[in-house]
Amino acid sequence: MSVYLSSFGGAGAQFFDNNGVPLSGGLIYTYAAGTTTPQATYTSNTGSIAQSNPIVLDTSGRVPSGEIWLTQLLIYKFVLQTSGGTTIGTYDNISSIAGSIPTISDFTGTGSQTIYTLSVSPTNLNSTNIFINGVYQNKNSYTISGTTLTFTQAPPVNSLIEVSYA
């Protein structure tokens, strides 16, 4: 599992109440975007230690670990509250700062080959971009199942096929 720094309170952020006072004991709840389903965040870039949910801010209004790390490709909702449970703000559809780093696979067309094997499975069809000789290929010109990329028509002989995917 890869984790990336959160764009919401990522590193060293300080949170305040509506009067500008550090949010001592404040609470940050983390959910899957658009829901109230809890979603884990992590204390460091290793992704090995999950934050508590809610994250309880220290006396200066900061995350105790100093950082919030998010699972790659997941989208989050954050709810910031006072220590007494009063909501200060809700922030939905938040992703990590780095987002996802794409994998690039290059192939050469043979004029007859329609099936190619990728090094890892893409997350979904929408996370792929394919170019043949630098020309973007519409998503309806290929399918992906696991690591198998299948074109509806074989790319031309000696064509450069670049597949970018997350």
N, C-alpha and C. Protein backbone atom coordinates (compact mmCIF):
# COMPACT_ATOMS: atom_id res chain seq x y z
N MET A 1 0.84 -1.17 0.00
CA MET A 1 0.00 0.00 0.00
C MET A 1 0.89 1.24 0.00
N SER A 2 0.57 2.17 -0.87
CA SER A 2 1.29 3.44 -0.92
C SER A 2 0.47 4.52 -0.24
N VAL A 3 1.15 5.40 0.49
CA VAL A 3 0.47 6.53 1.11
C VAL A 3 1.16 7.81 0.68
N TYR A 4 0.37 8.88 0.64
CA TYR A 4 0.88 10.20 0.26
C TYR A 4 0.38 11.23 1.24
N LEU A 5 1.12 12.31 1.38
CA LEU A 5 0.80 13.37 2.32
C LEU A 5 -0.57 13.97 2.00
N SER A 6 -1.35 14.22 3.04
CA SER A 6 -2.68 14.78 2.90
C SER A 6 -2.61 16.25 2.53
N SER A 7 -3.51 16.68 1.66
CA SER A 7 -3.60 18.11 1.35
C SER A 7 -4.40 18.84 2.43
N PHE A 8 -5.02 18.09 3.35
CA PHE A 8 -5.72 18.66 4.50
C PHE A 8 -4.85 18.41 5.73
N GLY A 9 -4.17 19.42 6.20
CA GLY A 9 -3.36 19.27 7.42
C GLY A 9 -2.21 18.32 7.28
N GLY A 10 -1.61 18.24 6.11
CA GLY A 10 -0.55 17.28 5.82
C GLY A 10 0.59 17.24 6.79
N ALA A 11 1.43 18.27 6.83
CA ALA A 11 2.61 18.26 7.70
C ALA A 11 2.67 19.56 8.50
N GLY A 12 2.65 19.43 9.82
CA GLY A 12 2.83 20.56 10.70
C GLY A 12 1.69 21.56 10.75
N ALA A 13 0.56 21.22 10.19
CA ALA A 13 -0.57 22.15 10.18
C ALA A 13 -1.08 22.40 11.59
N GLN A 14 -1.57 23.60 11.80
CA GLN A 14 -2.16 23.97 13.08
C GLN A 14 -3.61 24.35 12.83
N PHE A 15 -4.50 23.86 13.69
CA PHE A 15 -5.92 24.12 13.55
C PHE A 15 -6.39 25.07 14.64
N PHE A 16 -7.38 25.90 14.29
CA PHE A 16 -7.87 26.94 15.19
C PHE A 16 -9.39 26.88 15.30
N ASP A 17 -9.91 27.41 16.42
CA ASP A 17 -11.37 27.53 16.54
C ASP A 17 -11.82 28.77 15.77
N ASN A 18 -13.10 29.07 15.81
CA ASN A 18 -13.63 30.20 15.05
C ASN A 18 -13.18 31.56 15.57
N ASN A 19 -12.54 31.58 16.73
CA ASN A 19 -12.01 32.83 17.30
C ASN A 19 -10.51 32.97 17.09
N GLY A 20 -9.91 32.04 16.36
CA GLY A 20 -8.48 32.09 16.09
C GLY A 20 -7.61 31.52 17.19
N VAL A 21 -8.21 30.82 18.14
CA VAL A 21 -7.48 30.19 19.25
C VAL A 21 -7.10 28.77 18.82
N PRO A 22 -5.84 28.34 19.09
CA PRO A 22 -5.46 26.96 18.73
C PRO A 22 -6.49 25.95 19.27
N LEU A 23 -6.82 24.99 18.45
CA LEU A 23 -7.89 24.03 18.73
C LEU A 23 -7.37 22.90 19.62
N SER A 24 -7.06 23.22 20.86
CA SER A 24 -6.56 22.24 21.82
C SER A 24 -7.60 21.14 22.04
N GLY A 25 -7.20 19.89 21.83
CA GLY A 25 -8.11 18.76 22.00
C GLY A 25 -9.13 18.63 20.89
N GLY A 26 -8.96 19.42 19.83
CA GLY A 26 -9.88 19.34 18.69
C GLY A 26 -9.88 17.95 18.08
N LEU A 27 -10.90 17.68 17.30
CA LEU A 27 -11.08 16.35 16.71
C LEU A 27 -11.14 16.44 15.18
N ILE A 28 -10.45 15.53 14.53
CA ILE A 28 -10.53 15.41 13.07
C ILE A 28 -11.02 14.00 12.77
N TYR A 29 -12.24 13.92 12.24
CA TYR A 29 -12.80 12.64 11.81
C TYR A 29 -12.46 12.45 10.34
N THR A 30 -12.12 11.21 9.96
CA THR A 30 -11.78 10.92 8.57
C THR A 30 -12.71 9.85 8.03
N TYR A 31 -13.31 10.16 6.87
CA TYR A 31 -14.29 9.28 6.25
C TYR A 31 -13.98 9.10 4.77
N ALA A 32 -14.57 8.08 4.17
CA ALA A 32 -14.56 7.96 2.72
C ALA A 32 -15.36 9.14 2.17
N ALA A 33 -14.92 9.73 1.09
CA ALA A 33 -15.57 10.91 0.52
C ALA A 33 -17.06 10.69 0.36
N GLY A 34 -17.83 11.70 0.75
CA GLY A 34 -19.27 11.69 0.57
C GLY A 34 -20.04 10.77 1.50
N THR A 35 -19.35 10.22 2.51
CA THR A 35 -20.01 9.25 3.40
C THR A 35 -19.69 9.55 4.86
N THR A 36 -20.21 8.71 5.72
CA THR A 36 -19.81 8.71 7.13
C THR A 36 -19.15 7.37 7.48
N THR A 37 -18.59 6.73 6.47
CA THR A 37 -17.84 5.49 6.65
C THR A 37 -16.40 5.84 7.01
N PRO A 38 -15.95 5.48 8.23
CA PRO A 38 -14.58 5.81 8.62
C PRO A 38 -13.55 5.29 7.61
N GLN A 39 -12.53 6.10 7.36
CA GLN A 39 -11.45 5.71 6.44
C GLN A 39 -10.12 6.06 7.11
N ALA A 40 -9.22 5.11 7.15
CA ALA A 40 -7.95 5.26 7.87
C ALA A 40 -7.03 6.28 7.23
N THR A 41 -6.31 7.00 8.10
CA THR A 41 -5.18 7.83 7.71
C THR A 41 -3.99 7.29 8.50
N TYR A 42 -2.79 7.76 8.17
CA TYR A 42 -1.59 7.18 8.76
C TYR A 42 -0.66 8.25 9.33
N THR A 43 0.20 7.84 10.25
CA THR A 43 1.07 8.76 10.98
C THR A 43 2.35 9.12 10.23
N SER A 44 2.73 8.29 9.23
CA SER A 44 3.98 8.55 8.52
C SER A 44 3.91 7.98 7.11
N ASN A 45 4.95 8.24 6.34
CA ASN A 45 4.99 7.79 4.95
C ASN A 45 5.14 6.28 4.79
N THR A 46 5.34 5.55 5.89
CA THR A 46 5.42 4.09 5.78
C THR A 46 4.03 3.47 5.69
N GLY A 47 3.01 4.20 6.16
CA GLY A 47 1.65 3.68 6.12
C GLY A 47 1.44 2.49 7.05
N SER A 48 2.32 2.33 8.03
CA SER A 48 2.23 1.16 8.90
C SER A 48 1.45 1.41 10.20
N ILE A 49 1.30 2.68 10.60
CA ILE A 49 0.59 2.99 11.84
C ILE A 49 -0.58 3.91 11.52
N ALA A 50 -1.79 3.42 11.77
CA ALA A 50 -2.99 4.21 11.51
C ALA A 50 -3.16 5.26 12.61
N GLN A 51 -3.67 6.43 12.20
CA GLN A 51 -4.04 7.46 13.18
C GLN A 51 -5.28 6.97 13.92
N SER A 52 -5.53 7.53 15.10
CA SER A 52 -6.82 7.29 15.75
C SER A 52 -7.89 8.00 14.90
N ASN A 53 -9.12 7.54 15.00
CA ASN A 53 -10.21 8.20 14.28
C ASN A 53 -11.36 8.38 15.25
N PRO A 54 -11.53 9.58 15.83
CA PRO A 54 -10.95 10.83 15.33
C PRO A 54 -9.50 11.00 15.79
N ILE A 55 -8.79 11.84 15.02
CA ILE A 55 -7.47 12.28 15.42
C ILE A 55 -7.70 13.36 16.48
N VAL A 56 -7.07 13.22 17.64
CA VAL A 56 -7.22 14.21 18.71
C VAL A 56 -6.01 15.15 18.65
N LEU A 57 -6.28 16.44 18.45
CA LEU A 57 -5.22 17.43 18.32
C LEU A 57 -4.56 17.70 19.67
N ASP A 58 -3.28 18.06 19.64
CA ASP A 58 -2.56 18.36 20.89
C ASP A 58 -2.93 19.76 21.40
N THR A 59 -2.29 20.21 22.46
CA THR A 59 -2.65 21.50 23.09
C THR A 59 -2.41 22.70 22.18
N SER A 60 -1.56 22.54 21.18
CA SER A 60 -1.31 23.64 20.24
C SER A 60 -2.17 23.54 18.98
N GLY A 61 -3.09 22.55 18.95
CA GLY A 61 -3.97 22.40 17.80
C GLY A 61 -3.33 21.69 16.62
N ARG A 62 -2.32 20.88 16.91
CA ARG A 62 -1.63 20.14 15.85
C ARG A 62 -1.88 18.64 16.00
N VAL A 63 -1.75 17.93 14.87
CA VAL A 63 -1.83 16.47 14.87
C VAL A 63 -0.63 15.94 15.67
N PRO A 64 -0.84 15.03 16.65
CA PRO A 64 0.26 14.55 17.49
C PRO A 64 1.46 14.01 16.71
N SER A 65 1.22 13.29 15.62
CA SER A 65 2.33 12.75 14.84
C SER A 65 2.96 13.81 13.95
N GLY A 66 2.30 14.96 13.82
CA GLY A 66 2.82 16.04 12.98
C GLY A 66 2.43 15.92 11.52
N GLU A 67 1.89 14.77 11.12
CA GLU A 67 1.58 14.54 9.71
C GLU A 67 0.32 13.70 9.57
N ILE A 68 -0.37 13.89 8.44
CA ILE A 68 -1.50 13.04 8.06
C ILE A 68 -1.18 12.49 6.68
N TRP A 69 -1.17 11.16 6.57
CA TRP A 69 -0.88 10.47 5.30
C TRP A 69 -2.12 9.70 4.86
N LEU A 70 -2.39 9.73 3.55
CA LEU A 70 -3.59 9.12 2.99
C LEU A 70 -3.23 7.97 2.06
N THR A 71 -4.13 7.00 1.98
CA THR A 71 -3.93 5.87 1.08
C THR A 71 -4.05 6.34 -0.37
N GLN A 72 -3.09 5.91 -1.18
CA GLN A 72 -3.07 6.26 -2.59
C GLN A 72 -4.40 5.92 -3.26
N LEU A 73 -4.88 6.81 -4.06
CA LEU A 73 -6.09 6.67 -4.89
C LEU A 73 -7.40 6.72 -4.12
N LEU A 74 -7.36 6.87 -2.79
CA LEU A 74 -8.60 7.01 -2.04
C LEU A 74 -8.91 8.49 -1.87
N ILE A 75 -10.19 8.82 -1.83
CA ILE A 75 -10.65 10.18 -1.64
C ILE A 75 -11.31 10.25 -0.27
N TYR A 76 -11.08 11.33 0.46
CA TYR A 76 -11.47 11.45 1.86
C TYR A 76 -12.46 12.60 2.11
N LYS A 77 -13.12 12.49 3.25
CA LYS A 77 -13.88 13.60 3.83
C LYS A 77 -13.32 13.79 5.24
N PHE A 78 -13.03 15.06 5.60
CA PHE A 78 -12.54 15.41 6.92
C PHE A 78 -13.60 16.26 7.61
N VAL A 79 -13.86 15.97 8.88
CA VAL A 79 -14.75 16.79 9.69
C VAL A 79 -13.94 17.28 10.89
N LEU A 80 -13.81 18.60 10.99
CA LEU A 80 -13.04 19.23 12.07
C LEU A 80 -14.01 19.72 13.14
N GLN A 81 -13.77 19.29 14.38
CA GLN A 81 -14.65 19.66 15.49
C GLN A 81 -13.84 20.16 16.69
N THR A 82 -14.51 20.92 17.54
CA THR A 82 -13.92 21.31 18.83
C THR A 82 -13.86 20.07 19.71
N SER A 83 -13.18 20.19 20.85
CA SER A 83 -13.11 19.06 21.78
C SER A 83 -14.49 18.71 22.33
N GLY A 84 -15.42 19.66 22.29
CA GLY A 84 -16.79 19.42 22.76
C GLY A 84 -17.71 18.88 21.68
N GLY A 85 -17.19 18.67 20.46
CA GLY A 85 -17.99 18.08 19.40
C GLY A 85 -18.71 19.06 18.49
N THR A 86 -18.43 20.36 18.61
CA THR A 86 -19.05 21.35 17.71
C THR A 86 -18.28 21.35 16.38
N THR A 87 -18.99 21.18 15.28
CA THR A 87 -18.33 21.13 13.97
C THR A 87 -17.89 22.52 13.54
N ILE A 88 -16.62 22.62 13.19
CA ILE A 88 -16.05 23.86 12.66
C ILE A 88 -16.11 23.85 11.15
N GLY A 89 -15.89 22.68 10.55
CA GLY A 89 -15.93 22.59 9.10
C GLY A 89 -15.91 21.16 8.61
N THR A 90 -16.50 20.96 7.43
CA THR A 90 -16.47 19.67 6.75
C THR A 90 -15.80 19.89 5.40
N TYR A 91 -14.84 19.05 5.08
CA TYR A 91 -14.05 19.19 3.86
C TYR A 91 -14.11 17.86 3.12
N ASP A 92 -14.80 17.87 1.97
CA ASP A 92 -15.08 16.61 1.26
C ASP A 92 -14.29 16.55 -0.04
N ASN A 93 -14.11 15.33 -0.53
CA ASN A 93 -13.41 15.06 -1.79
C ASN A 93 -11.96 15.53 -1.75
N ILE A 94 -11.27 15.18 -0.69
CA ILE A 94 -9.87 15.55 -0.48
C ILE A 94 -8.98 14.36 -0.84
N SER A 95 -7.98 14.62 -1.66
CA SER A 95 -7.02 13.57 -2.00
C SER A 95 -5.65 13.96 -1.47
N SER A 96 -4.71 13.07 -1.65
CA SER A 96 -3.35 13.35 -1.20
C SER A 96 -2.71 14.39 -2.12
N ILE A 97 -1.62 14.96 -1.66
CA ILE A 97 -0.91 15.97 -2.44
C ILE A 97 -0.32 15.36 -3.70
N ALA A 98 0.30 14.21 -3.58
CA ALA A 98 0.94 13.59 -4.73
C ALA A 98 -0.06 12.90 -5.64
N GLY A 99 -1.28 12.61 -5.12
CA GLY A 99 -2.21 11.84 -5.92
C GLY A 99 -1.61 10.50 -6.21
N SER A 100 -1.60 10.11 -7.43
CA SER A 100 -0.98 8.84 -7.77
C SER A 100 0.14 9.07 -8.77
N ILE A 101 1.17 8.29 -8.63
CA ILE A 101 2.29 8.35 -9.56
C ILE A 101 2.05 7.25 -10.58
N PRO A 102 1.88 7.61 -11.86
CA PRO A 102 1.53 6.59 -12.84
C PRO A 102 2.68 5.63 -13.16
N THR A 103 2.31 4.45 -13.56
CA THR A 103 3.23 3.47 -14.11
C THR A 103 3.22 3.67 -15.61
N ILE A 104 4.37 3.57 -16.24
CA ILE A 104 4.47 3.72 -17.69
C ILE A 104 4.97 2.39 -18.27
N SER A 105 4.24 1.89 -19.26
CA SER A 105 4.68 0.70 -19.99
C SER A 105 4.77 1.06 -21.47
N ASP A 106 5.87 0.69 -22.10
CA ASP A 106 6.07 0.96 -23.54
C ASP A 106 6.10 -0.35 -24.30
N PHE A 107 5.47 -0.34 -25.46
CA PHE A 107 5.44 -1.50 -26.35
C PHE A 107 5.67 -1.02 -27.78
N THR A 108 5.97 -1.97 -28.66
CA THR A 108 6.10 -1.67 -30.08
C THR A 108 5.06 -2.49 -30.83
N GLY A 109 4.28 -1.80 -31.66
CA GLY A 109 3.24 -2.48 -32.43
C GLY A 109 3.82 -3.41 -33.48
N THR A 110 3.09 -4.50 -33.77
CA THR A 110 3.54 -5.46 -34.78
C THR A 110 2.64 -5.45 -36.02
N GLY A 111 1.51 -4.77 -35.93
CA GLY A 111 0.55 -4.76 -37.02
C GLY A 111 -0.49 -5.86 -36.90
N SER A 112 -0.21 -6.86 -36.05
CA SER A 112 -1.17 -7.95 -35.85
C SER A 112 -1.48 -8.22 -34.38
N GLN A 113 -0.59 -7.86 -33.50
CA GLN A 113 -0.77 -8.13 -32.07
C GLN A 113 -1.79 -7.15 -31.47
N THR A 114 -2.78 -7.70 -30.76
CA THR A 114 -3.78 -6.86 -30.11
C THR A 114 -3.72 -6.97 -28.58
N ILE A 115 -3.01 -7.98 -28.06
CA ILE A 115 -2.97 -8.21 -26.61
C ILE A 115 -1.56 -7.94 -26.08
N TYR A 116 -1.49 -7.13 -25.02
CA TYR A 116 -0.23 -6.77 -24.37
C TYR A 116 -0.40 -6.98 -22.86
N THR A 117 0.71 -7.29 -22.18
CA THR A 117 0.67 -7.53 -20.74
C THR A 117 1.34 -6.38 -20.01
N LEU A 118 0.58 -5.75 -19.11
CA LEU A 118 1.09 -4.65 -18.29
C LEU A 118 1.82 -5.21 -17.07
N SER A 119 2.69 -4.41 -16.47
CA SER A 119 3.46 -4.90 -15.32
C SER A 119 2.61 -5.03 -14.05
N VAL A 120 1.60 -4.18 -13.88
CA VAL A 120 0.66 -4.27 -12.77
C VAL A 120 -0.73 -3.94 -13.28
N SER A 121 -1.74 -4.33 -12.54
CA SER A 121 -3.11 -4.04 -12.94
C SER A 121 -3.46 -2.58 -12.68
N PRO A 122 -4.00 -1.86 -13.67
CA PRO A 122 -4.48 -0.51 -13.43
C PRO A 122 -5.66 -0.53 -12.45
N THR A 123 -5.84 0.57 -11.75
CA THR A 123 -6.95 0.68 -10.81
C THR A 123 -8.28 0.52 -11.52
N ASN A 124 -8.44 1.18 -12.66
CA ASN A 124 -9.62 1.06 -13.49
C ASN A 124 -9.32 1.68 -14.84
N LEU A 125 -10.22 1.52 -15.78
CA LEU A 125 -10.02 2.01 -17.14
C LEU A 125 -9.80 3.52 -17.15
N ASN A 126 -10.49 4.24 -16.26
CA ASN A 126 -10.35 5.70 -16.24
C ASN A 126 -9.00 6.18 -15.73
N SER A 127 -8.21 5.29 -15.15
CA SER A 127 -6.88 5.69 -14.68
C SER A 127 -5.81 5.40 -15.74
N THR A 128 -6.24 5.06 -16.95
CA THR A 128 -5.29 4.77 -18.03
C THR A 128 -5.31 5.86 -19.10
N ASN A 129 -4.16 6.07 -19.69
CA ASN A 129 -4.02 6.91 -20.89
C ASN A 129 -3.08 6.19 -21.82
N ILE A 130 -3.52 5.99 -23.05
CA ILE A 130 -2.70 5.28 -24.03
C ILE A 130 -2.47 6.18 -25.23
N PHE A 131 -1.21 6.17 -25.69
CA PHE A 131 -0.82 6.94 -26.87
C PHE A 131 -0.14 6.00 -27.84
N ILE A 132 -0.50 6.09 -29.10
CA ILE A 132 0.19 5.34 -30.16
C ILE A 132 0.81 6.38 -31.07
N ASN A 133 2.15 6.33 -31.16
CA ASN A 133 2.92 7.35 -31.90
C ASN A 133 2.52 8.76 -31.46
N GLY A 134 2.29 8.92 -30.16
CA GLY A 134 1.98 10.23 -29.60
C GLY A 134 0.53 10.67 -29.72
N VAL A 135 -0.32 9.83 -30.30
CA VAL A 135 -1.73 10.18 -30.49
C VAL A 135 -2.55 9.47 -29.41
N TYR A 136 -3.32 10.26 -28.65
CA TYR A 136 -4.16 9.71 -27.59
C TYR A 136 -5.17 8.74 -28.17
N GLN A 137 -5.39 7.61 -27.47
CA GLN A 137 -6.35 6.60 -27.90
C GLN A 137 -7.60 6.67 -27.02
N ASN A 138 -8.76 6.77 -27.64
CA ASN A 138 -10.02 6.81 -26.89
C ASN A 138 -10.19 5.51 -26.11
N LYS A 139 -10.86 5.61 -24.97
CA LYS A 139 -11.04 4.46 -24.09
C LYS A 139 -11.84 3.33 -24.75
N ASN A 140 -12.65 3.66 -25.76
CA ASN A 140 -13.42 2.61 -26.44
C ASN A 140 -12.59 1.83 -27.46
N SER A 141 -11.29 2.17 -27.58
CA SER A 141 -10.44 1.45 -28.53
C SER A 141 -9.64 0.32 -27.87
N TYR A 142 -9.87 0.11 -26.57
CA TYR A 142 -9.18 -0.95 -25.85
C TYR A 142 -9.96 -1.33 -24.60
N THR A 143 -9.60 -2.51 -24.07
CA THR A 143 -10.15 -2.96 -22.79
C THR A 143 -8.99 -3.40 -21.92
N ILE A 144 -9.24 -3.42 -20.62
CA ILE A 144 -8.23 -3.90 -19.69
C ILE A 144 -8.90 -4.85 -18.71
N SER A 145 -8.28 -6.02 -18.54
CA SER A 145 -8.74 -6.99 -17.56
C SER A 145 -7.51 -7.48 -16.81
N GLY A 146 -7.40 -7.08 -15.52
CA GLY A 146 -6.19 -7.41 -14.78
C GLY A 146 -5.01 -6.72 -15.42
N THR A 147 -4.00 -7.49 -15.80
CA THR A 147 -2.82 -6.91 -16.46
C THR A 147 -2.89 -7.03 -17.98
N THR A 148 -4.02 -7.51 -18.51
CA THR A 148 -4.14 -7.73 -19.94
C THR A 148 -4.80 -6.53 -20.62
N LEU A 149 -4.05 -5.92 -21.54
CA LEU A 149 -4.53 -4.81 -22.36
C LEU A 149 -4.86 -5.38 -23.73
N THR A 150 -6.10 -5.16 -24.18
CA THR A 150 -6.52 -5.68 -25.48
C THR A 150 -7.04 -4.53 -26.34
N PHE A 151 -6.41 -4.32 -27.48
CA PHE A 151 -6.86 -3.30 -28.43
C PHE A 151 -7.94 -3.89 -29.33
N THR A 152 -8.90 -3.06 -29.74
CA THR A 152 -9.92 -3.52 -30.69
C THR A 152 -9.33 -3.68 -32.08
N GLN A 153 -8.25 -2.95 -32.35
CA GLN A 153 -7.55 -3.06 -33.63
C GLN A 153 -6.06 -3.03 -33.35
N ALA A 154 -5.30 -3.89 -34.02
CA ALA A 154 -3.85 -3.98 -33.77
C ALA A 154 -3.17 -2.67 -34.12
N PRO A 155 -2.30 -2.17 -33.22
CA PRO A 155 -1.51 -0.98 -33.55
C PRO A 155 -0.59 -1.27 -34.74
N PRO A 156 -0.29 -0.24 -35.53
CA PRO A 156 0.53 -0.43 -36.73
C PRO A 156 1.93 -0.97 -36.44
N VAL A 157 2.56 -1.56 -37.46
CA VAL A 157 3.92 -2.09 -37.37
C VAL A 157 4.87 -0.97 -36.93
N ASN A 158 5.73 -1.28 -35.98
CA ASN A 158 6.75 -0.38 -35.45
C ASN A 158 6.20 0.87 -34.76
N SER A 159 4.92 0.87 -34.44
CA SER A 159 4.37 2.02 -33.74
C SER A 159 4.80 1.99 -32.27
N LEU A 160 5.00 3.17 -31.70
CA LEU A 160 5.36 3.26 -30.28
C LEU A 160 4.07 3.38 -29.49
N ILE A 161 3.86 2.42 -28.58
CA ILE A 161 2.67 2.39 -27.73
C ILE A 161 3.11 2.73 -26.32
N GLU A 162 2.57 3.83 -25.78
CA GLU A 162 2.87 4.23 -24.41
C GLU A 162 1.60 4.13 -23.59
N VAL A 163 1.66 3.35 -22.50
CA VAL A 163 0.52 3.17 -21.61
C VAL A 163 0.88 3.78 -20.26
N SER A 164 0.11 4.77 -19.83
CA SER A 164 0.29 5.41 -18.53
C SER A 164 -0.92 5.05 -17.67
N TYR A 165 -0.66 4.49 -16.47
CA TYR A 165 -1.77 4.06 -15.64
C TYR A 165 -1.40 4.08 -14.16
N ALA A 166 -2.45 4.18 -13.35
CA ALA A 166 -2.26 4.17 -11.89
C ALA A 166 -3.02 3.02 -11.31
